Amino acid sequence: MAEKIKYEMVIVLTEEFNKSELKTWSFNYARNLQLLSASDISIISKGTLYLAYTIDDQKRGNFIQINFSTVPKYLQKIKENTKLDPYILRSLLINKNGADLI
């Protein structure tokens, strides 16, 4: 079995979430990561911040940091799921072991 690698993902969500909805979204995203064999999942909300430029007519976004470990073969599916979520404005996935952008 392949070795799990640590990753960090930063996601910018639309501003429309309140705190409760943001927690629910984060919990569901973590559960989906678990279904893709991810472990050591931690989620940190960075709050609602102004964007440097508008994205899809949004001037502010909710920033979420997600740390997790997974086998590299599941990364493509994680990226596909992220692209399909209509509430995600932008995302960045980084390999914490080598700091490579994914």
PDB file of N, CA and C in Angstrom:
ATOM      1  N   MET A   1       0.844  -1.187   0.000  1.00  0.00           N
ATOM      2  CA  MET A   1       0.000   0.000   0.000  1.00  0.00           C
ATOM      3  C   MET A   1       0.885   1.244   0.000  1.00  0.00           C
ATOM      4  N   ALA A   2       0.460   2.228  -0.746  1.00  0.00           N
ATOM      5  CA  ALA A   2       1.229   3.467  -0.860  1.00  0.00           C
ATOM      6  C   ALA A   2       1.202   4.243   0.457  1.00  0.00           C
ATOM      7  N   GLU A   3       2.252   4.988   0.670  1.00  0.00           N
ATOM      8  CA  GLU A   3       2.379   5.787   1.889  1.00  0.00           C
ATOM      9  C   GLU A   3       1.500   7.029   1.801  1.00  0.00           C
ATOM     10  N   LYS A   4       0.868   7.379   2.920  1.00  0.00           N
ATOM     11  CA  LYS A   4       0.063   8.600   2.962  1.00  0.00           C
ATOM     12  C   LYS A   4       0.981   9.806   3.069  1.00  0.00           C
ATOM     13  N   ILE A   5       0.575  10.859   2.395  1.00  0.00           N
ATOM     14  CA  ILE A   5       1.336  12.103   2.366  1.00  0.00           C
ATOM     15  C   ILE A   5       0.466  13.208   2.963  1.00  0.00           C
ATOM     16  N   LYS A   6       1.099  14.142   3.655  1.00  0.00           N
ATOM     17  CA  LYS A   6       0.370  15.257   4.261  1.00  0.00           C
ATOM     18  C   LYS A   6       0.134  16.352   3.226  1.00  0.00           C
ATOM     19  N   TYR A   7      -1.089  16.873   3.236  1.00  0.00           N
ATOM     20  CA  TYR A   7      -1.474  17.953   2.328  1.00  0.00           C
ATOM     21  C   TYR A   7      -2.146  19.073   3.114  1.00  0.00           C
ATOM     22  N   GLU A   8      -2.075  20.258   2.553  1.00  0.00           N
ATOM     23  CA  GLU A   8      -2.805  21.401   3.088  1.00  0.00           C
ATOM     24  C   GLU A   8      -3.604  22.005   1.944  1.00  0.00           C
ATOM     25  N   MET A   9      -4.874  22.271   2.204  1.00  0.00           N
ATOM     26  CA  MET A   9      -5.742  22.853   1.189  1.00  0.00           C
ATOM     27  C   MET A   9      -6.362  24.125   1.752  1.00  0.00           C
ATOM     28  N   VAL A  10      -6.339  25.169   0.967  1.00  0.00           N
ATOM     29  CA  VAL A  10      -7.032  26.402   1.326  1.00  0.00           C
ATOM     30  C   VAL A  10      -8.168  26.569   0.328  1.00  0.00           C
ATOM     31  N   ILE A  11      -9.357  26.767   0.864  1.00  0.00           N
ATOM     32  CA  ILE A  11     -10.559  26.904   0.040  1.00  0.00           C
ATOM     33  C   ILE A  11     -11.197  28.256   0.333  1.00  0.00           C
ATOM     34  N   VAL A  12     -11.594  28.947  -0.723  1.00  0.00           N
ATOM     35  CA  VAL A  12     -12.339  30.200  -0.582  1.00  0.00           C
ATOM     36  C   VAL A  12     -13.778  29.901  -0.990  1.00  0.00           C
ATOM     37  N   LEU A  13     -14.670  30.033  -0.021  1.00  0.00           N
ATOM     38  CA  LEU A  13     -16.091  29.796  -0.252  1.00  0.00           C
ATOM     39  C   LEU A  13     -16.819  31.122  -0.437  1.00  0.00           C
ATOM     40  N   THR A  14     -18.001  31.059  -1.024  1.00  0.00           N
ATOM     41  CA  THR A  14     -18.821  32.260  -1.168  1.00  0.00           C
ATOM     42  C   THR A  14     -19.137  32.833   0.211  1.00  0.00           C
ATOM     43  N   GLU A  15     -19.479  34.094   0.240  1.00  0.00           N
ATOM     44  CA  GLU A  15     -19.706  34.808   1.496  1.00  0.00           C
ATOM     45  C   GLU A  15     -21.037  34.445   2.156  1.00  0.00           C
ATOM     46  N   GLU A  16     -21.932  33.788   1.447  1.00  0.00           N
ATOM     47  CA  GLU A  16     -23.308  33.621   1.912  1.00  0.00           C
ATOM     48  C   GLU A  16     -23.494  32.699   3.114  1.00  0.00           C
ATOM     49  N   PHE A  17     -22.466  32.013   3.569  1.00  0.00           N
ATOM     50  CA  PHE A  17     -22.590  31.092   4.697  1.00  0.00           C
ATOM     51  C   PHE A  17     -22.593  31.837   6.033  1.00  0.00           C
ATOM     52  N   ASN A  18     -23.489  31.420   6.954  1.00  0.00           N
ATOM     53  CA  ASN A  18     -23.356  31.884   8.331  1.00  0.00           C
ATOM     54  C   ASN A  18     -22.474  30.865   9.065  1.00  0.00           C
ATOM     55  N   LYS A  19     -22.174  31.090  10.334  1.00  0.00           N
ATOM     56  CA  LYS A  19     -21.241  30.216  11.055  1.00  0.00           C
ATOM     57  C   LYS A  19     -21.726  28.774  11.114  1.00  0.00           C
ATOM     58  N   SER A  20     -23.002  28.582  11.354  1.00  0.00           N
ATOM     59  CA  SER A  20     -23.561  27.234  11.445  1.00  0.00           C
ATOM     60  C   SER A  20     -23.471  26.503  10.102  1.00  0.00           C
ATOM     61  N   GLU A  21     -23.826  27.194   9.032  1.00  0.00           N
ATOM     62  CA  GLU A  21     -23.755  26.589   7.700  1.00  0.00           C
ATOM     63  C   GLU A  21     -22.313  26.282   7.307  1.00  0.00           C
ATOM     64  N   LEU A  22     -21.392  27.146   7.722  1.00  0.00           N
ATOM     65  CA  LEU A  22     -19.975  26.936   7.431  1.00  0.00           C
ATOM     66  C   LEU A  22     -19.454  25.691   8.145  1.00  0.00           C
ATOM     67  N   LYS A  23     -19.872  25.498   9.396  1.00  0.00           N
ATOM     68  CA  LYS A  23     -19.485  24.292  10.137  1.00  0.00           C
ATOM     69  C   LYS A  23     -20.052  23.046   9.475  1.00  0.00           C
ATOM     70  N   THR A  24     -21.301  23.115   9.043  1.00  0.00           N
ATOM     71  CA  THR A  24     -21.929  21.971   8.376  1.00  0.00           C
ATOM     72  C   THR A  24     -21.218  21.653   7.070  1.00  0.00           C
ATOM     73  N   TRP A  25     -20.910  22.683   6.277  1.00  0.00           N
ATOM     74  CA  TRP A  25     -20.200  22.464   5.020  1.00  0.00           C
ATOM     75  C   TRP A  25     -18.839  21.826   5.285  1.00  0.00           C
ATOM     76  N   SER A  26     -18.115  22.349   6.273  1.00  0.00           N
ATOM     77  CA  SER A  26     -16.783  21.830   6.606  1.00  0.00           C
ATOM     78  C   SER A  26     -16.855  20.380   7.065  1.00  0.00           C
ATOM     79  N   PHE A  27     -17.839  20.063   7.900  1.00  0.00           N
ATOM     80  CA  PHE A  27     -18.011  18.693   8.374  1.00  0.00           C
ATOM     81  C   PHE A  27     -18.281  17.753   7.202  1.00  0.00           C
ATOM     82  N   ASN A  28     -19.151  18.154   6.291  1.00  0.00           N
ATOM     83  CA  ASN A  28     -19.463  17.320   5.128  1.00  0.00           C
ATOM     84  C   ASN A  28     -18.250  17.145   4.218  1.00  0.00           C
ATOM     85  N   TYR A  29     -17.459  18.199   4.058  1.00  0.00           N
ATOM     86  CA  TYR A  29     -16.256  18.102   3.227  1.00  0.00           C
ATOM     87  C   TYR A  29     -15.254  17.138   3.861  1.00  0.00           C
ATOM     88  N   ALA A  30     -15.107  17.219   5.188  1.00  0.00           N
ATOM     89  CA  ALA A  30     -14.199  16.305   5.898  1.00  0.00           C
ATOM     90  C   ALA A  30     -14.683  14.863   5.768  1.00  0.00           C
ATOM     91  N   ARG A  31     -15.982  14.653   5.834  1.00  0.00           N
ATOM     92  CA  ARG A  31     -16.530  13.301   5.691  1.00  0.00           C
ATOM     93  C   ARG A  31     -16.257  12.764   4.284  1.00  0.00           C
ATOM     94  N   ASN A  32     -16.370  13.623   3.277  1.00  0.00           N
ATOM     95  CA  ASN A  32     -16.057  13.197   1.910  1.00  0.00           C
ATOM     96  C   ASN A  32     -14.579  12.859   1.759  1.00  0.00           C
ATOM     97  N   LEU A  33     -13.707  13.604   2.445  1.00  0.00           N
ATOM     98  CA  LEU A  33     -12.281  13.273   2.425  1.00  0.00           C
ATOM     99  C   LEU A  33     -12.038  11.907   3.064  1.00  0.00           C
ATOM    100  N   GLN A  34     -12.745  11.627   4.151  1.00  0.00           N
ATOM    101  CA  GLN A  34     -12.601  10.325   4.807  1.00  0.00           C
ATOM    102  C   GLN A  34     -13.024   9.196   3.877  1.00  0.00           C
ATOM    103  N   LEU A  35     -14.057   9.418   3.096  1.00  0.00           N
ATOM    104  CA  LEU A  35     -14.508   8.402   2.141  1.00  0.00           C
ATOM    105  C   LEU A  35     -13.451   8.128   1.081  1.00  0.00           C
ATOM    106  N   LEU A  36     -12.567   9.102   0.866  1.00  0.00           N
ATOM    107  CA  LEU A  36     -11.468   8.939  -0.084  1.00  0.00           C
ATOM    108  C   LEU A  36     -10.173   8.583   0.643  1.00  0.00           C
ATOM    109  N   SER A  37     -10.317   7.939   1.803  1.00  0.00           N
ATOM    110  CA  SER A  37      -9.179   7.385   2.532  1.00  0.00           C
ATOM    111  C   SER A  37      -8.288   8.423   3.208  1.00  0.00           C
ATOM    112  N   ALA A  38      -8.771   9.643   3.390  1.00  0.00           N
ATOM    113  CA  ALA A  38      -7.982  10.668   4.085  1.00  0.00           C
ATOM    114  C   ALA A  38      -8.076  10.458   5.593  1.00  0.00           C
ATOM    115  N   SER A  39      -7.015  10.850   6.292  1.00  0.00           N
ATOM    116  CA  SER A  39      -6.986  10.762   7.751  1.00  0.00           C
ATOM    117  C   SER A  39      -6.303  12.005   8.304  1.00  0.00           C
ATOM    118  N   ASP A  40      -6.230  12.093   9.626  1.00  0.00           N
ATOM    119  CA  ASP A  40      -5.598  13.240  10.294  1.00  0.00           C
ATOM    120  C   ASP A  40      -6.148  14.563   9.761  1.00  0.00           C
ATOM    121  N   ILE A  41      -7.466  14.642   9.641  1.00  0.00           N
ATOM    122  CA  ILE A  41      -8.118  15.814   9.055  1.00  0.00           C
ATOM    123  C   ILE A  41      -8.322  16.886  10.122  1.00  0.00           C
ATOM    124  N   SER A  42      -7.875  18.094   9.825  1.00  0.00           N
ATOM    125  CA  SER A  42      -8.164  19.239  10.698  1.00  0.00           C
ATOM    126  C   SER A  42      -8.628  20.396   9.823  1.00  0.00           C
ATOM    127  N   ILE A  43      -9.628  21.107  10.324  1.00  0.00           N
ATOM    128  CA  ILE A  43     -10.207  22.214   9.569  1.00  0.00           C
ATOM    129  C   ILE A  43     -10.122  23.474  10.415  1.00  0.00           C
ATOM    130  N   ILE A  44      -9.608  24.534   9.813  1.00  0.00           N
ATOM    131  CA  ILE A  44      -9.467  25.817  10.496  1.00  0.00           C
ATOM    132  C   ILE A  44     -10.173  26.875   9.651  1.00  0.00           C
ATOM    133  N   SER A  45     -11.138  27.548  10.256  1.00  0.00           N
ATOM    134  CA  SER A  45     -11.817  28.646   9.564  1.00  0.00           C
ATOM    135  C   SER A  45     -11.007  29.918   9.776  1.00  0.00           C
ATOM    136  N   LYS A  46     -10.642  30.557   8.691  1.00  0.00           N
ATOM    137  CA  LYS A  46      -9.874  31.803   8.755  1.00  0.00           C
ATOM    138  C   LYS A  46     -10.784  33.026   8.737  1.00  0.00           C
ATOM    139  N   GLY A  47     -12.089  32.802   8.598  1.00  0.00           N
ATOM    140  CA  GLY A  47     -13.045  33.895   8.626  1.00  0.00           C
ATOM    141  C   GLY A  47     -13.381  34.436   7.247  1.00  0.00           C
ATOM    142  N   THR A  48     -14.218  35.451   7.251  1.00  0.00           N
ATOM    143  CA  THR A  48     -14.624  36.116   6.016  1.00  0.00           C
ATOM    144  C   THR A  48     -13.691  37.296   5.779  1.00  0.00           C
ATOM    145  N   LEU A  49     -13.069  37.306   4.610  1.00  0.00           N
ATOM    146  CA  LEU A  49     -12.090  38.339   4.275  1.00  0.00           C
ATOM    147  C   LEU A  49     -12.403  38.937   2.907  1.00  0.00           C
ATOM    148  N   TYR A  50     -11.948  40.172   2.706  1.00  0.00           N
ATOM    149  CA  TYR A  50     -12.083  40.792   1.392  1.00  0.00           C
ATOM    150  C   TYR A  50     -11.121  40.126   0.419  1.00  0.00           C
ATOM    151  N   LEU A  51     -11.573  39.933  -0.805  1.00  0.00           N
ATOM    152  CA  LEU A  51     -10.741  39.360  -1.856  1.00  0.00           C
ATOM    153  C   LEU A  51      -9.940  40.476  -2.530  1.00  0.00           C
ATOM    154  N   ALA A  52      -8.799  40.141  -3.071  1.00  0.00           N
ATOM    155  CA  ALA A  52      -7.978  41.129  -3.776  1.00  0.00           C
ATOM    156  C   ALA A  52      -8.665  41.594  -5.060  1.00  0.00           C
ATOM    157  N   TYR A  53      -9.485  40.730  -5.630  1.00  0.00           N
ATOM    158  CA  TYR A  53     -10.252  41.058  -6.829  1.00  0.00           C
ATOM    159  C   TYR A  53     -11.544  40.256  -6.775  1.00  0.00           C
ATOM    160  N   THR A  54     -12.567  40.702  -7.491  1.00  0.00           N
ATOM    161  CA  THR A  54     -13.847  40.000  -7.448  1.00  0.00           C
ATOM    162  C   THR A  54     -13.753  38.668  -8.187  1.00  0.00           C
ATOM    163  N   ILE A  55     -14.427  37.679  -7.632  1.00  0.00           N
ATOM    164  CA  ILE A  55     -14.522  36.353  -8.241  1.00  0.00           C
ATOM    165  C   ILE A  55     -16.009  36.026  -8.316  1.00  0.00           C
ATOM    166  N   ASP A  56     -16.517  35.817  -9.511  1.00  0.00           N
ATOM    167  CA  ASP A  56     -17.946  35.536  -9.704  1.00  0.00           C
ATOM    168  C   ASP A  56     -18.822  36.563  -8.976  1.00  0.00           C
ATOM    169  N   ASP A  57     -18.485  37.829  -9.128  1.00  0.00           N
ATOM    170  CA  ASP A  57     -19.203  38.949  -8.514  1.00  0.00           C
ATOM    171  C   ASP A  57     -19.160  38.940  -6.982  1.00  0.00           C
ATOM    172  N   GLN A  58     -18.243  38.204  -6.397  1.00  0.00           N
ATOM    173  CA  GLN A  58     -18.073  38.163  -4.940  1.00  0.00           C
ATOM    174  C   GLN A  58     -16.884  39.046  -4.559  1.00  0.00           C
ATOM    175  N   LYS A  59     -17.086  39.915  -3.568  1.00  0.00           N
ATOM    176  CA  LYS A  59     -16.005  40.778  -3.089  1.00  0.00           C
ATOM    177  C   LYS A  59     -15.365  40.233  -1.819  1.00  0.00           C
ATOM    178  N   ARG A  60     -16.076  39.340  -1.129  1.00  0.00           N
ATOM    179  CA  ARG A  60     -15.574  38.722   0.101  1.00  0.00           C
ATOM    180  C   ARG A  60     -15.763  37.217   0.009  1.00  0.00           C
ATOM    181  N   GLY A  61     -14.983  36.495   0.788  1.00  0.00           N
ATOM    182  CA  GLY A  61     -15.101  35.047   0.792  1.00  0.00           C
ATOM    183  C   GLY A  61     -14.749  34.476   2.156  1.00  0.00           C
ATOM    184  N   ASN A  62     -15.262  33.292   2.428  1.00  0.00           N
ATOM    185  CA  ASN A  62     -14.931  32.555   3.649  1.00  0.00           C
ATOM    186  C   ASN A  62     -13.714  31.692   3.364  1.00  0.00           C
ATOM    187  N   PHE A  63     -12.656  31.888   4.121  1.00  0.00           N
ATOM    188  CA  PHE A  63     -11.417  31.143   3.921  1.00  0.00           C
ATOM    189  C   PHE A  63     -11.361  29.971   4.894  1.00  0.00           C
ATOM    190  N   ILE A  64     -11.117  28.782   4.348  1.00  0.00           N
ATOM    191  CA  ILE A  64     -11.031  27.553   5.132  1.00  0.00           C
ATOM    192  C   ILE A  64      -9.694  26.893   4.839  1.00  0.00           C
ATOM    193  N   GLN A  65      -8.994  26.475   5.888  1.00  0.00           N
ATOM    194  CA  GLN A  65      -7.751  25.712   5.737  1.00  0.00           C
ATOM    195  C   GLN A  65      -8.029  24.288   6.188  1.00  0.00           C
ATOM    196  N   ILE A  66      -7.680  23.313   5.345  1.00  0.00           N
ATOM    197  CA  ILE A  66      -7.892  21.901   5.660  1.00  0.00           C
ATOM    198  C   ILE A  66      -6.556  21.177   5.557  1.00  0.00           C
ATOM    199  N   ASN A  67      -6.160  20.534   6.641  1.00  0.00           N
ATOM    200  CA  ASN A  67      -4.952  19.712   6.657  1.00  0.00           C
ATOM    201  C   ASN A  67      -5.390  18.254   6.709  1.00  0.00           C
ATOM    202  N   PHE A  68      -4.760  17.404   5.909  1.00  0.00           N
ATOM    203  CA  PHE A  68      -5.118  15.989   5.901  1.00  0.00           C
ATOM    204  C   PHE A  68      -3.982  15.168   5.314  1.00  0.00           C
ATOM    205  N   SER A  69      -4.069  13.864   5.517  1.00  0.00           N
ATOM    206  CA  SER A  69      -3.121  12.919   4.926  1.00  0.00           C
ATOM    207  C   SER A  69      -3.903  11.958   4.053  1.00  0.00           C
ATOM    208  N   THR A  70      -3.348  11.624   2.901  1.00  0.00           N
ATOM    209  CA  THR A  70      -4.000  10.664   2.016  1.00  0.00           C
ATOM    210  C   THR A  70      -2.978  10.058   1.065  1.00  0.00           C
ATOM    211  N   VAL A  71      -3.412   9.011   0.395  1.00  0.00           N
ATOM    212  CA  VAL A  71      -2.602   8.361  -0.631  1.00  0.00           C
ATOM    213  C   VAL A  71      -2.720   9.204  -1.907  1.00  0.00           C
ATOM    214  N   PRO A  72      -1.621   9.480  -2.599  1.00  0.00           N
ATOM    215  CA  PRO A  72      -1.659  10.358  -3.776  1.00  0.00           C
ATOM    216  C   PRO A  72      -2.653   9.943  -4.862  1.00  0.00           C
ATOM    217  N   LYS A  73      -2.979   8.668  -4.961  1.00  0.00           N
ATOM    218  CA  LYS A  73      -3.887   8.241  -6.034  1.00  0.00           C
ATOM    219  C   LYS A  73      -5.289   8.832  -5.892  1.00  0.00           C
ATOM    220  N   TYR A  74      -5.648   9.344  -4.707  1.00  0.00           N
ATOM    221  CA  TYR A  74      -6.975   9.924  -4.499  1.00  0.00           C
ATOM    222  C   TYR A  74      -7.020  11.430  -4.765  1.00  0.00           C
ATOM    223  N   LEU A  75      -5.881  12.040  -5.047  1.00  0.00           N
ATOM    224  CA  LEU A  75      -5.847  13.494  -5.238  1.00  0.00           C
ATOM    225  C   LEU A  75      -6.702  13.964  -6.408  1.00  0.00           C
ATOM    226  N   GLN A  76      -6.686  13.229  -7.499  1.00  0.00           N
ATOM    227  CA  GLN A  76      -7.469  13.633  -8.669  1.00  0.00           C
ATOM    228  C   GLN A  76      -8.957  13.683  -8.331  1.00  0.00           C
ATOM    229  N   LYS A  77      -9.443  12.701  -7.597  1.00  0.00           N
ATOM    230  CA  LYS A  77     -10.855  12.670  -7.205  1.00  0.00           C
ATOM    231  C   LYS A  77     -11.177  13.828  -6.255  1.00  0.00           C
ATOM    232  N   ILE A  78     -10.259  14.129  -5.333  1.00  0.00           N
ATOM    233  CA  ILE A  78     -10.454  15.253  -4.414  1.00  0.00           C
ATOM    234  C   ILE A  78     -10.543  16.555  -5.201  1.00  0.00           C
ATOM    235  N   LYS A  79      -9.664  16.741  -6.178  1.00  0.00           N
ATOM    236  CA  LYS A  79      -9.691  17.960  -7.000  1.00  0.00           C
ATOM    237  C   LYS A  79     -10.976  18.045  -7.827  1.00  0.00           C
ATOM    238  N   GLU A  80     -11.430  16.914  -8.364  1.00  0.00           N
ATOM    239  CA  GLU A  80     -12.677  16.903  -9.138  1.00  0.00           C
ATOM    240  C   GLU A  80     -13.860  17.298  -8.259  1.00  0.00           C
ATOM    241  N   ASN A  81     -13.926  16.727  -7.052  1.00  0.00           N
ATOM    242  CA  ASN A  81     -15.021  17.059  -6.133  1.00  0.00           C
ATOM    243  C   ASN A  81     -15.002  18.538  -5.760  1.00  0.00           C
ATOM    244  N   THR A  82     -13.813  19.087  -5.610  1.00  0.00           N
ATOM    245  CA  THR A  82     -13.672  20.503  -5.267  1.00  0.00           C
ATOM    246  C   THR A  82     -14.169  21.382  -6.414  1.00  0.00           C
ATOM    247  N   LYS A  83     -13.840  21.024  -7.644  1.00  0.00           N
ATOM    248  CA  LYS A  83     -14.273  21.809  -8.804  1.00  0.00           C
ATOM    249  C   LYS A  83     -15.787  21.764  -8.996  1.00  0.00           C
ATOM    250  N   LEU A  84     -16.428  20.678  -8.576  1.00  0.00           N
ATOM    251  CA  LEU A  84     -17.865  20.521  -8.771  1.00  0.00           C
ATOM    252  C   LEU A  84     -18.705  21.264  -7.736  1.00  0.00           C
ATOM    253  N   ASP A  85     -18.107  21.662  -6.633  1.00  0.00           N
ATOM    254  CA  ASP A  85     -18.855  22.340  -5.572  1.00  0.00           C
ATOM    255  C   ASP A  85     -19.147  23.785  -5.995  1.00  0.00           C
ATOM    256  N   PRO A  86     -20.420  24.158  -6.105  1.00  0.00           N
ATOM    257  CA  PRO A  86     -20.757  25.504  -6.586  1.00  0.00           C
ATOM    258  C   PRO A  86     -20.423  26.620  -5.597  1.00  0.00           C
ATOM    259  N   TYR A  87     -20.155  26.284  -4.341  1.00  0.00           N
ATOM    260  CA  TYR A  87     -19.854  27.292  -3.325  1.00  0.00           C
ATOM    261  C   TYR A  87     -18.368  27.622  -3.237  1.00  0.00           C
ATOM    262  N   ILE A  88     -17.525  26.835  -3.894  1.00  0.00           N
ATOM    263  CA  ILE A  88     -16.087  27.070  -3.849  1.00  0.00           C
ATOM    264  C   ILE A  88     -15.694  28.035  -4.962  1.00  0.00           C
ATOM    265  N   LEU A  89     -15.127  29.172  -4.556  1.00  0.00           N
ATOM    266  CA  LEU A  89     -14.663  30.162  -5.528  1.00  0.00           C
ATOM    267  C   LEU A  89     -13.263  29.822  -6.025  1.00  0.00           C
ATOM    268  N   ARG A  90     -12.372  29.450  -5.116  1.00  0.00           N
ATOM    269  CA  ARG A  90     -10.989  29.091  -5.442  1.00  0.00           C
ATOM    270  C   ARG A  90     -10.489  28.069  -4.432  1.00  0.00           C
ATOM    271  N   SER A  91      -9.463  27.313  -4.848  1.00  0.00           N
ATOM    272  CA  SER A  91      -8.825  26.379  -3.922  1.00  0.00           C
ATOM    273  C   SER A  91      -7.356  26.224  -4.295  1.00  0.00           C
ATOM    274  N   LEU A  92      -6.574  25.836  -3.314  1.00  0.00           N
ATOM    275  CA  LEU A  92      -5.150  25.597  -3.503  1.00  0.00           C
ATOM    276  C   LEU A  92      -4.780  24.381  -2.669  1.00  0.00           C
ATOM    277  N   LEU A  93      -4.126  23.402  -3.291  1.00  0.00           N
ATOM    278  CA  LEU A  93      -3.720  22.174  -2.613  1.00  0.00           C
ATOM    279  C   LEU A  93      -2.204  22.084  -2.644  1.00  0.00           C
ATOM    280  N   ILE A  94      -1.601  21.927  -1.466  1.00  0.00           N
ATOM    281  CA  ILE A  94      -0.141  21.903  -1.348  1.00  0.00           C
ATOM    282  C   ILE A  94       0.303  20.617  -0.663  1.00  0.00           C
ATOM    283  N   ASN A  95       1.356  20.011  -1.200  1.00  0.00           N
ATOM    284  CA  ASN A  95       2.011  18.868  -0.572  1.00  0.00           C
ATOM    285  C   ASN A  95       2.895  19.423   0.538  1.00  0.00           C
ATOM    286  N   LYS A  96       2.569  19.118   1.796  1.00  0.00           N
ATOM    287  CA  LYS A  96       3.325  19.684   2.919  1.00  0.00           C
ATOM    288  C   LYS A  96       4.706  19.056   3.073  1.00  0.00           C
ATOM    289  N   ASN A  97       4.895  17.860   2.540  1.00  0.00           N
ATOM    290  CA  ASN A  97       6.204  17.209   2.646  1.00  0.00           C
ATOM    291  C   ASN A  97       7.221  17.870   1.731  1.00  0.00           C
ATOM    292  N   GLY A  98       6.786  18.226   0.528  1.00  0.00           N
ATOM    293  CA  GLY A  98       7.713  18.808  -0.433  1.00  0.00           C
ATOM    294  C   GLY A  98       7.333  20.200  -0.871  1.00  0.00           C
ATOM    295  N   ALA A  99       6.207  20.703  -0.363  1.00  0.00           N
ATOM    296  CA  ALA A  99       5.702  22.041  -0.688  1.00  0.00           C
ATOM    297  C   ALA A  99       5.451  22.227  -2.181  1.00  0.00           C
ATOM    298  N   ASP A 100       5.122  21.133  -2.891  1.00  0.00           N
ATOM    299  CA  ASP A 100       4.764  21.229  -4.303  1.00  0.00           C
ATOM    300  C   ASP A 100       3.307  21.640  -4.433  1.00  0.00           C
ATOM    301  N   LEU A 101       3.007  22.499  -5.386  1.00  0.00           N
ATOM    302  CA  LEU A 101       1.620  22.834  -5.680  1.00  0.00           C
ATOM    303  C   LEU A 101       1.014  21.685  -6.456  1.00  0.00           C
ATOM    304  N   ILE A 102      -0.206  21.337  -6.111  1.00  0.00           N
ATOM    305  CA  ILE A 102      -0.882  20.220  -6.775  1.00  0.00           C
ATOM    306  C   ILE A 102      -1.974  20.773  -7.668  1.00  0.00           C
TER     307      ILE A 102
END
